[in-house]
Every structure is written in structure tokens, then in C-alpha cells.
C-alpha atoms as a PDB file:
ATOM      1  CA  UNK A   1      -3.204   0.243  -6.499  1.00  0.00           C
ATOM      2  CA  UNK A   2      -0.082   2.010  -5.246  1.00  0.00           C
ATOM      3  CA  UNK A   3       2.186  -0.153  -7.734  1.00  0.00           C
ATOM      4  CA  UNK A   4       1.616   2.386 -10.546  1.00  0.00           C
ATOM      5  CA  UNK A   5       1.144   5.368  -8.255  1.00  0.00           C
ATOM      6  CA  UNK A   6      -1.922   6.479  -6.763  1.00  0.00           C
ATOM      7  CA  UNK A   7      -3.250   9.880  -5.044  1.00  0.00           C
ATOM      8  CA  UNK A   8      -4.521   9.787  -1.580  1.00  0.00           C
ATOM      9  CA  UNK A   9      -8.023  10.530  -2.700  1.00  0.00           C
ATOM     10  CA  UNK A  10      -8.180   7.489  -4.964  1.00  0.00           C
ATOM     11  CA  UNK A  11      -6.870   5.261  -2.155  1.00  0.00           C
ATOM     12  CA  UNK A  12      -9.649   6.353   0.013  1.00  0.00           C
ATOM     13  CA  UNK A  13     -12.520   5.879  -2.419  1.00  0.00           C
ATOM     14  CA  UNK A  14     -11.032   2.441  -3.376  1.00  0.00           C
ATOM     15  CA  UNK A  15     -10.323   1.170   0.021  1.00  0.00           C
ATOM     16  CA  UNK A  16     -13.731   2.739   1.207  1.00  0.00           C
ATOM     17  CA  UNK A  17     -11.965   4.252   4.201  1.00  0.00           C
ATOM     18  CA  UNK A  18     -11.978   7.934   5.574  1.00  0.00           C
ATOM     19  CA  UNK A  19      -9.228  10.264   5.039  1.00  0.00           C
ATOM     20  CA  UNK A  20      -8.075  10.185   8.758  1.00  0.00           C
ATOM     21  CA  UNK A  21      -7.588   6.335   8.720  1.00  0.00           C
ATOM     22  CA  UNK A  22      -6.119   6.085   5.366  1.00  0.00           C
ATOM     23  CA  UNK A  23      -3.647   9.013   6.556  1.00  0.00           C
ATOM     24  CA  UNK A  24      -2.561   6.786   9.437  1.00  0.00           C
ATOM     25  CA  UNK A  25      -2.058   3.630   7.171  1.00  0.00           C
ATOM     26  CA  UNK A  26      -0.167   5.400   4.599  1.00  0.00           C
ATOM     27  CA  UNK A  27       2.202   6.973   7.296  1.00  0.00           C
ATOM     28  CA  UNK A  28       2.626   3.652   8.871  1.00  0.00           C
ATOM     29  CA  UNK A  29       3.542   2.051   5.529  1.00  0.00           C
ATOM     30  CA  UNK A  30       6.045   4.961   4.708  1.00  0.00           C
ATOM     31  CA  UNK A  31       7.734   4.464   8.119  1.00  0.00           C
ATOM     32  CA  UNK A  32       8.181   0.798   7.249  1.00  0.00           C
ATOM     33  CA  UNK A  33       9.754   1.736   3.713  1.00  0.00           C
ATOM     34  CA  UNK A  34       6.727  -0.180   1.752  1.00  0.00           C
ATOM     35  CA  UNK A  35       5.416   2.706   0.009  1.00  0.00           C
ATOM     36  CA  UNK A  36       6.785   6.081  -0.800  1.00  0.00           C
ATOM     37  CA  UNK A  37       5.177   9.533  -1.525  1.00  0.00           C
ATOM     38  CA  UNK A  38       6.622  11.191  -4.740  1.00  0.00           C
ATOM     39  CA  UNK A  39       5.012  14.170  -6.090  1.00  0.00           C
ATOM     40  CA  UNK A  40       1.484  13.774  -4.239  1.00  0.00           C
ATOM     41  CA  UNK A  41       1.297  10.176  -5.411  1.00  0.00           C
ATOM     42  CA  UNK A  42       1.895   7.074  -3.388  1.00  0.00           C
ATOM     43  CA  UNK A  43       3.860   4.175  -4.911  1.00  0.00           C
ATOM     44  CA  UNK A  44       5.011   0.865  -3.732  1.00  0.00           C
ATOM     45  CA  UNK A  45       8.631   0.529  -3.155  1.00  0.00           C
ATOM     46  CA  UNK A  46      10.741  -2.530  -3.978  1.00  0.00           C
ATOM     47  CA  UNK A  47      10.629  -3.525  -0.296  1.00  0.00           C
ATOM     48  CA  UNK A  48       6.688  -3.261  -0.713  1.00  0.00           C
ATOM     49  CA  UNK A  49       6.652  -5.334  -3.707  1.00  0.00           C
ATOM     50  CA  UNK A  50       8.778  -8.020  -2.249  1.00  0.00           C
ATOM     51  CA  UNK A  51       6.436  -8.104   0.712  1.00  0.00           C
ATOM     52  CA  UNK A  52       3.481  -8.324  -1.469  1.00  0.00           C
ATOM     53  CA  UNK A  53       4.903 -11.263  -3.507  1.00  0.00           C
ATOM     54  CA  UNK A  54       5.647 -13.115  -0.225  1.00  0.00           C
ATOM     55  CA  UNK A  55       2.357 -12.507   1.496  1.00  0.00           C
ATOM     56  CA  UNK A  56       0.726 -13.963  -1.770  1.00  0.00           C
ATOM     57  CA  UNK A  57       2.869 -17.066  -1.571  1.00  0.00           C
ATOM     58  CA  UNK A  58       1.921 -17.641   1.947  1.00  0.00           C
ATOM     59  CA  UNK A  59      -1.794 -16.905   1.199  1.00  0.00           C
ATOM     60  CA  UNK A  60      -1.579 -19.521  -1.461  1.00  0.00           C
ATOM     61  CA  UNK A  61       0.026 -21.952   0.845  1.00  0.00           C
ATOM     62  CA  UNK A  62      -2.583 -21.716   3.403  1.00  0.00           C
ATOM     63  CA  UNK A  63      -5.497 -22.009   1.266  1.00  0.00           C
ATOM     64  CA  UNK A  64      -6.653 -25.721   1.444  1.00  0.00           C
END
């Protein structure tokens, strides 16, 4: 979702979480350099995109 950029409200509704919880997750992901907040939108960083690619590969390997 944040690959193209998403506002916090859209993330809350799509993730079906409340604003407090999403705020904590977004802060954590920003601290880790996986997303960035640019002009009120959250976008996935290159590091975040690499993480998602690696995660998808591991997920595929674990499916039997």
C-alpha cells in the first residue's frame, strides 16, 4: 500500500487498526528505515522494498 504512497487514514482503514496502533507501527518502521513520511504520505523506502522482496522469497520457500 505504501509503495505508491498512502496517508495515515488510508493505512488505518486498510489495515483495520486504530490510529494509536498504526501510529506506533509507522514510527517503528520509520525508525528502521523501511518507510518515510513525505508531505503527509508514507512511502516505502528502497530498504523497505528490499525487505519485502526478501520476505516474499522466504515465504515462498516455506510453503510446502
